[in-house]
Every structure is written in C-alpha cells, then in structure tokens.
Amino acid sequence: MKKPILYTIITLMLALVNTPMVNAQDEPETESKPVRSTFESGILIDQQTNNIPTANTLELLIQHKFGTIQNGITDLYGIYAAGANVRIGFNYSILDNLMVGFGSTKNKKFQDFQVKWNVFPQTRDNKYPVAITLYGNMAIDARDKEVFGTEYNFGNRFSYFSQLIITRRFNDYLSLQVAPSFTHFNSAEKGKDHDKIGLSMAGRVKVSPQSSFLLQCDIPFKIQGIAENMEFTDPSKPNFAFGWEISTSTHAFQIYMGTASGILGQENLMNNTNDFLNGEMMLGFTITRLWSF
C-alpha cells in the first residue's frame, strides 16, 4: 500500500511543477479506471469474490445444498436425501468498496456476521494489474450447549474466517482469483485442530452476455507450526465444485455440483469429509437479488 501512495504523491508534485510549461497541444493524462464486472456476483459457488454492489444497495442471498448423489435415482440424486443445508443472508453496501452482512445457516445453526472491503481495484491501464479484497466473518454456533461438552462456555460457539482475495480479469471472457485464508474455531472436535490455513481458487469463463461457467477449489493445509494433532482422525478434504451462472443487472442464479456440505468458508476448510474421487458430490444453487436505495 505504501508504494502506490508514494508514487501518487510524487506524480501530483511533478504535475504541479510542470503545469506552467504545458502547452495547448499536450493531451491530459487519462485517469486510471477500474475494470468492470470481474465477477457477476459477490459469491462464486462457495467462495467470496471481489464484487461489491454500489453504495446503498441491499443484497438478498439464498444458498442451498441438497444431499449427496451417491444413491442415484433412489432419492433423485440427492434432492430428496437427508443432510440438505441452506443459508439465507442479507448484505448491505455502506460504500462502493465496503459491504457488511448477516446470515443464518441450517447446519450447526450458524449465525454469521461478515465484512468485505475492496482495498483497490484492477485498473484498465494495468496500473493495478490485480484487485485486492479483504473478507472476514465471525460465526456463532447456536446449537444446544450440550453439543460443546461439560466444559461449556459461550465463547466455545465462536469461529472466525479471514481471507485475502486476489482477482484479475484477463479479458471479456476469463476472470480468475486466488485467496489464501485463515480459519479459527474456539472449540474443536477431538482429534482436530483449532486453526487452519487454506488456499481457495476460482474462475469464471463467460460464454454469453448472461451466462458463465464457474469452477472453484478449496484446499486445506496441514502446517506443522500451527498443528495441534500430528494425525487427524477425520481430516478435512479439498472442496471441488463446478457450475453454471445466469445473471442480470439485479439477479444472479448459480447451479452447481460440489463436494462440501458446508456453506461458510471456515466450515468447508475445517470439516469437509466428502471426497470428490469417491463421487461424494451434491447439487446446489445460489440466488442473489439486489435493491438500490
């Protein structure tokens, strides 16, 4: 952050010094403008993107996942299966680059509070070749206190997820992002760690003005420096997903197949037990709706 600010200050000083020497034939410098629509929605399957609606915009978000498809037609490929999960959330853009939100998830009764800040955008002249976004949430597990064992205290319910999102729109068709993350659960199940570092990757290939192909991957790492258990009893597995998006100026609809049954980032990176190689996948969809004030 310091270098771009320093460069801006030096540029302004030079411009002021040279102003009297500018003649009528000199053309003014064009202002660096941000690229448009790196992604169509603030969420790509399970991952956050750098997309934030303009200031004073309210966003309704519905995320739904069915059960796994392993039983085939017996339960209509998971649509009638047990284990479905759903989250309903509301996000509000305080500024053009700052959003806050709240959501409620069925599984584990997570009540989450989140914030997303676009530090700076990718610009068309490549002054900033990538966009940098910070995202974080805090979730409260609202299940009965008996779930947390005999040594219960209210702080056991809290978990946290933070992420640095680096995005780039390469052209009119291709946008990619990579996002290192840190997860922390105040209370961990036996044999599992409280902390997890992960890496998420996602991409969008636009095939028409309204339609795009989506792909994502969340990879949990085991880093010895923060690990509490050398052996996991039930290690978290990578989350793979692919889908299709249809969007308009106020709506986005995504339908996808993915491995993680969780919806929040910390749940997917810490507790995903479904294995893509074993066909443990499930159908899901996401709907967003915007209202401007």
Protein backbone atom coordinates (compact mmCIF):
# COMPACT_ATOMS: atom_id res chain seq x y z
CA MET A 1 0.00 0.00 0.00
CA LYS A 2 2.85 2.47 0.81
CA LYS A 3 4.49 2.41 -2.64
CA PRO A 4 1.31 3.24 -4.64
CA ILE A 5 0.58 6.12 -2.24
CA LEU A 6 4.16 7.41 -2.57
CA TYR A 7 4.01 7.15 -6.36
CA THR A 8 0.73 9.09 -6.36
CA ILE A 9 2.18 11.89 -4.22
CA ILE A 10 5.29 12.20 -6.43
CA THR A 11 3.14 12.23 -9.58
CA LEU A 12 0.96 15.02 -8.20
CA MET A 13 4.01 17.09 -7.21
CA LEU A 14 5.56 16.72 -10.67
CA ALA A 15 2.25 17.66 -12.29
CA LEU A 16 2.04 20.83 -10.23
CA VAL A 17 5.64 21.80 -11.01
CA ASN A 18 5.19 21.28 -14.74
CA THR A 19 1.75 22.90 -15.08
CA PRO A 20 3.00 26.30 -16.38
CA MET A 21 5.08 24.56 -19.06
CA VAL A 22 2.18 22.61 -20.57
CA ASN A 23 1.11 23.92 -23.96
CA ALA A 24 -2.21 23.60 -25.71
CA GLN A 25 -1.05 20.70 -27.84
CA ASP A 26 -0.33 18.45 -24.84
CA GLU A 27 -3.04 15.92 -24.08
CA PRO A 28 -4.04 15.39 -20.43
CA GLU A 29 -3.36 12.00 -18.85
CA THR A 30 -6.31 9.66 -18.82
CA GLU A 31 -7.49 8.66 -15.35
CA SER A 32 -6.97 5.05 -14.34
CA LYS A 33 -10.40 3.43 -14.41
CA PRO A 34 -11.28 0.14 -12.75
CA VAL A 35 -12.21 -2.84 -14.89
CA ARG A 36 -15.86 -3.77 -14.90
CA SER A 37 -17.57 -6.98 -13.85
CA THR A 38 -14.64 -9.17 -12.92
CA PHE A 39 -17.38 -11.40 -11.50
CA GLU A 40 -21.14 -11.07 -11.78
CA SER A 41 -21.88 -11.73 -8.11
CA GLY A 42 -20.26 -11.30 -4.71
CA ILE A 43 -20.17 -15.07 -4.34
CA LEU A 44 -18.94 -17.80 -6.69
CA ILE A 45 -20.43 -21.14 -5.56
CA ASP A 46 -18.91 -21.26 -2.03
CA GLN A 47 -16.29 -18.53 -2.39
CA GLN A 48 -16.41 -14.79 -1.90
CA THR A 49 -15.36 -12.64 -4.88
CA ASN A 50 -14.25 -9.01 -5.09
CA ASN A 51 -17.70 -7.95 -6.30
CA ILE A 52 -19.40 -5.37 -4.05
CA PRO A 53 -22.61 -3.66 -5.22
CA THR A 54 -22.63 0.14 -5.35
CA ALA A 55 -23.24 2.10 -2.15
CA ASN A 56 -26.71 1.91 -0.57
CA THR A 57 -27.52 -1.44 -2.17
CA LEU A 58 -29.19 -4.27 -0.27
CA GLU A 59 -28.48 -7.84 -1.39
CA LEU A 60 -30.56 -10.91 -0.58
CA LEU A 61 -28.61 -14.16 -0.76
CA ILE A 62 -30.09 -17.69 -0.73
CA GLN A 63 -27.67 -20.65 -0.78
CA HIS A 64 -28.99 -24.21 -0.84
CA LYS A 65 -27.31 -27.62 -1.00
CA PHE A 66 -29.06 -30.98 -1.31
CA GLY A 67 -27.73 -34.37 -0.15
CA THR A 68 -25.05 -36.37 -1.95
CA ILE A 69 -25.84 -38.02 -5.29
CA GLN A 70 -24.45 -41.45 -4.33
CA ASN A 71 -27.86 -43.15 -4.03
CA GLY A 72 -28.73 -42.18 -7.59
CA ILE A 73 -32.36 -42.19 -8.64
CA THR A 74 -33.44 -43.66 -5.27
CA ASP A 75 -33.54 -40.20 -3.72
CA LEU A 76 -33.50 -38.31 -7.03
CA TYR A 77 -29.74 -37.79 -6.93
CA GLY A 78 -29.75 -36.17 -3.52
CA ILE A 79 -32.73 -33.84 -3.93
CA TYR A 80 -34.79 -35.98 -1.50
CA ALA A 81 -31.79 -37.04 0.58
CA ALA A 82 -31.17 -36.14 4.20
CA GLY A 83 -28.42 -33.69 5.06
CA ALA A 84 -29.56 -30.72 2.97
CA ASN A 85 -28.20 -27.34 4.03
CA VAL A 86 -29.41 -23.78 3.44
CA ARG A 87 -28.28 -20.27 4.28
CA ILE A 88 -30.21 -17.01 3.98
CA GLY A 89 -28.21 -13.80 4.17
CA PHE A 90 -28.51 -10.05 3.74
CA ASN A 91 -25.63 -7.80 2.68
CA TYR A 92 -25.57 -4.01 2.59
CA SER A 93 -23.06 -1.83 0.75
CA ILE A 94 -22.12 1.08 3.02
CA LEU A 95 -19.70 2.42 0.41
CA ASP A 96 -18.86 1.44 -3.14
CA ASN A 97 -15.99 -0.62 -1.75
CA LEU A 98 -17.31 -1.66 1.69
CA MET A 99 -20.02 -4.20 2.48
CA VAL A 100 -21.38 -5.70 5.71
CA GLY A 101 -23.73 -8.64 6.09
CA PHE A 102 -25.55 -11.15 8.25
CA GLY A 103 -26.64 -14.70 7.54
CA SER A 104 -28.21 -17.75 9.14
CA THR A 105 -27.31 -21.34 8.19
CA LYS A 106 -29.28 -24.51 8.89
CA ASN A 107 -26.41 -26.89 9.70
CA LYS A 108 -24.96 -26.15 13.15
CA LYS A 109 -27.32 -23.14 13.26
CA PHE A 110 -24.52 -20.76 12.33
CA GLN A 111 -25.35 -17.07 12.73
CA ASP A 112 -22.65 -15.15 10.88
CA PHE A 113 -21.59 -11.53 10.62
CA GLN A 114 -19.32 -10.54 7.74
CA VAL A 115 -17.47 -7.61 6.22
CA LYS A 116 -15.81 -7.20 2.80
CA TRP A 117 -13.54 -4.34 1.73
CA ASN A 118 -12.13 -3.72 -1.72
CA VAL A 119 -8.69 -2.28 -0.92
CA PHE A 120 -8.06 -1.28 -4.53
CA PRO A 121 -9.44 -2.39 -7.91
CA GLN A 122 -7.73 -3.72 -11.01
CA THR A 123 -7.39 -0.86 -13.49
CA ARG A 124 -7.79 -0.88 -17.25
CA ASP A 125 -4.34 0.62 -17.83
CA ASN A 126 -2.73 -2.09 -15.64
CA LYS A 127 -1.52 0.43 -13.08
CA TYR A 128 -3.01 -2.10 -10.69
CA PRO A 129 -2.90 -5.43 -12.56
CA VAL A 130 -4.96 -7.20 -9.88
CA ALA A 131 -7.70 -6.28 -7.44
CA ILE A 132 -7.13 -6.79 -3.71
CA THR A 133 -10.04 -7.51 -1.38
CA LEU A 134 -10.19 -8.36 2.32
CA TYR A 135 -13.01 -10.52 3.67
CA GLY A 136 -13.80 -11.75 7.15
CA ASN A 137 -16.64 -13.26 9.14
CA MET A 138 -17.47 -14.31 12.66
CA ALA A 139 -19.98 -17.13 13.16
CA ILE A 140 -21.87 -18.22 16.26
CA ASP A 141 -22.86 -21.89 16.60
CA ALA A 142 -26.37 -21.62 18.07
CA ARG A 143 -26.97 -25.31 18.84
CA ASP A 144 -27.80 -26.51 22.36
CA LYS A 145 -24.93 -26.10 24.80
CA GLU A 146 -24.80 -29.87 25.39
CA VAL A 147 -23.10 -30.15 21.98
CA PHE A 148 -19.99 -28.48 23.41
CA GLY A 149 -19.41 -30.94 26.27
CA THR A 150 -19.19 -30.48 30.01
CA GLU A 151 -16.71 -27.60 29.98
CA TYR A 152 -19.08 -25.26 28.20
CA ASN A 153 -18.74 -21.52 27.97
CA PHE A 154 -20.32 -19.13 25.49
CA GLY A 155 -17.01 -18.47 23.73
CA ASN A 156 -16.99 -22.09 22.52
CA ARG A 157 -19.62 -21.14 19.98
CA PHE A 158 -17.42 -18.72 18.02
CA SER A 159 -15.49 -19.37 14.81
CA TYR A 160 -13.66 -16.96 12.53
CA PHE A 161 -12.68 -16.85 8.87
CA SER A 162 -10.44 -14.28 7.15
CA GLN A 163 -9.32 -14.15 3.55
CA LEU A 164 -7.16 -12.13 1.18
CA ILE A 165 -8.79 -12.24 -2.26
CA ILE A 166 -6.60 -11.51 -5.29
CA THR A 167 -8.51 -11.27 -8.56
CA ARG A 168 -7.76 -10.49 -12.18
CA ARG A 169 -9.96 -10.10 -15.21
CA PHE A 170 -7.81 -11.19 -18.14
CA ASN A 171 -10.28 -10.32 -20.90
CA ASP A 172 -14.01 -10.18 -21.62
CA TYR A 173 -14.31 -13.92 -21.06
CA LEU A 174 -11.88 -15.04 -18.36
CA SER A 175 -11.61 -13.99 -14.70
CA LEU A 176 -9.58 -15.82 -12.05
CA GLN A 177 -8.91 -15.42 -8.35
CA VAL A 178 -6.73 -16.91 -5.64
CA ALA A 179 -7.45 -16.44 -1.94
CA PRO A 180 -5.29 -17.58 0.99
CA SER A 181 -7.30 -17.85 4.21
CA PHE A 182 -7.07 -18.42 7.94
CA THR A 183 -9.74 -20.25 9.95
CA HIS A 184 -10.10 -20.47 13.72
CA PHE A 185 -12.61 -22.38 15.86
CA ASN A 186 -12.67 -21.63 19.59
CA SER A 187 -13.91 -25.18 20.21
CA ALA A 188 -12.60 -28.08 18.11
CA GLU A 189 -13.75 -31.68 17.97
CA LYS A 190 -11.43 -34.31 19.40
CA GLY A 191 -8.56 -35.05 17.03
CA LYS A 192 -8.98 -31.79 15.08
CA ASP A 193 -7.10 -28.50 15.20
CA HIS A 194 -8.44 -25.11 16.18
CA ASP A 195 -6.62 -23.34 13.33
CA LYS A 196 -6.40 -23.97 9.63
CA ILE A 197 -4.63 -22.23 6.75
CA GLY A 198 -6.18 -22.81 3.35
CA LEU A 199 -5.99 -21.73 -0.26
CA SER A 200 -9.01 -21.15 -2.47
CA MET A 201 -9.01 -20.77 -6.25
CA ALA A 202 -11.89 -19.91 -8.53
CA GLY A 203 -12.57 -18.90 -12.09
CA ARG A 204 -15.29 -17.74 -14.43
CA VAL A 205 -15.47 -18.27 -18.18
CA LYS A 206 -18.12 -16.06 -19.74
CA VAL A 207 -19.82 -17.73 -22.69
CA SER A 208 -22.58 -15.17 -23.38
CA PRO A 209 -23.68 -11.77 -22.02
CA GLN A 210 -25.73 -13.52 -19.30
CA SER A 211 -24.11 -16.96 -18.88
CA SER A 212 -20.82 -18.18 -17.41
CA PHE A 213 -19.10 -21.45 -16.49
CA LEU A 214 -17.79 -21.50 -12.90
CA LEU A 215 -15.05 -23.54 -11.25
CA GLN A 216 -13.67 -23.49 -7.71
CA CYS A 217 -11.36 -25.39 -5.36
CA ASP A 218 -10.70 -25.02 -1.61
CA ILE A 219 -7.56 -26.73 -0.29
CA PRO A 220 -6.96 -27.11 3.48
CA PHE A 221 -3.30 -27.32 4.51
CA LYS A 222 -1.72 -29.10 7.46
CA ILE A 223 1.08 -26.83 8.63
CA GLN A 224 3.18 -28.23 11.43
CA GLY A 225 3.79 -24.84 13.02
CA ILE A 226 0.13 -24.37 13.94
CA ALA A 227 -0.99 -28.02 14.11
CA GLU A 228 -2.07 -29.49 17.44
CA ASN A 229 -2.53 -33.05 16.18
CA MET A 230 0.04 -34.90 14.12
CA GLU A 231 -2.65 -37.30 12.94
CA PHE A 232 -6.21 -36.38 12.11
CA THR A 233 -8.95 -38.86 12.95
CA ASP A 234 -11.08 -37.44 10.16
CA PRO A 235 -9.04 -34.97 8.07
CA SER A 236 -10.75 -32.24 6.10
CA LYS A 237 -10.74 -32.89 2.37
CA PRO A 238 -10.48 -30.43 -0.53
CA ASN A 239 -13.70 -28.94 -1.80
CA PHE A 240 -14.17 -29.08 -5.58
CA ALA A 241 -17.13 -27.57 -7.40
CA PHE A 242 -18.22 -26.54 -10.89
CA GLY A 243 -21.37 -24.84 -12.07
CA TRP A 244 -23.29 -22.52 -14.36
CA GLU A 245 -24.33 -18.92 -13.73
CA ILE A 246 -27.06 -16.82 -15.31
CA SER A 247 -27.05 -13.14 -14.35
CA THR A 248 -28.80 -9.83 -14.99
CA SER A 249 -28.21 -6.35 -13.55
CA THR A 250 -30.14 -7.22 -10.35
CA HIS A 251 -30.16 -11.04 -10.20
CA ALA A 252 -27.70 -13.89 -10.34
CA PHE A 253 -28.55 -17.59 -10.33
CA GLN A 254 -25.91 -20.30 -9.97
CA ILE A 255 -26.46 -24.04 -10.12
CA TYR A 256 -23.53 -26.32 -9.37
CA MET A 257 -22.14 -29.65 -8.22
CA GLY A 258 -19.71 -29.62 -5.28
CA THR A 259 -18.26 -31.78 -2.53
CA ALA A 260 -18.60 -29.63 0.62
CA SER A 261 -21.88 -29.76 2.53
CA GLY A 262 -20.98 -26.63 4.50
CA ILE A 263 -21.63 -23.13 3.26
CA LEU A 264 -19.38 -20.88 5.35
CA GLY A 265 -15.69 -20.81 4.47
CA GLN A 266 -14.48 -21.97 7.89
CA GLU A 267 -16.78 -24.99 7.82
CA ASN A 268 -15.68 -26.09 4.36
CA LEU A 269 -11.97 -25.79 5.08
CA MET A 270 -12.06 -27.33 8.56
CA ASN A 271 -14.76 -30.00 8.42
CA ASN A 272 -15.34 -31.23 4.85
CA THR A 273 -15.40 -35.05 4.83
CA ASN A 274 -16.77 -35.60 1.30
CA ASP A 275 -14.29 -36.93 -1.24
CA PHE A 276 -14.52 -35.84 -4.87
CA LEU A 277 -12.73 -39.02 -6.02
CA ASN A 278 -15.44 -41.17 -4.38
CA GLY A 279 -18.23 -39.29 -6.10
CA GLU A 280 -19.41 -37.70 -2.85
CA MET A 281 -20.91 -34.64 -4.51
CA MET A 282 -24.13 -32.74 -4.15
CA LEU A 283 -26.31 -30.45 -6.20
CA GLY A 284 -26.63 -26.86 -5.03
CA PHE A 285 -27.85 -23.47 -6.13
CA THR A 286 -27.35 -19.82 -5.16
CA ILE A 287 -29.68 -16.89 -5.80
CA THR A 288 -28.83 -13.21 -5.29
CA ARG A 289 -31.17 -10.24 -5.62
CA LEU A 290 -30.21 -6.54 -5.40
CA TRP A 291 -32.21 -3.49 -4.36
CA SER A 292 -30.74 0.02 -4.67
CA PHE A 293 -31.81 2.90 -2.44
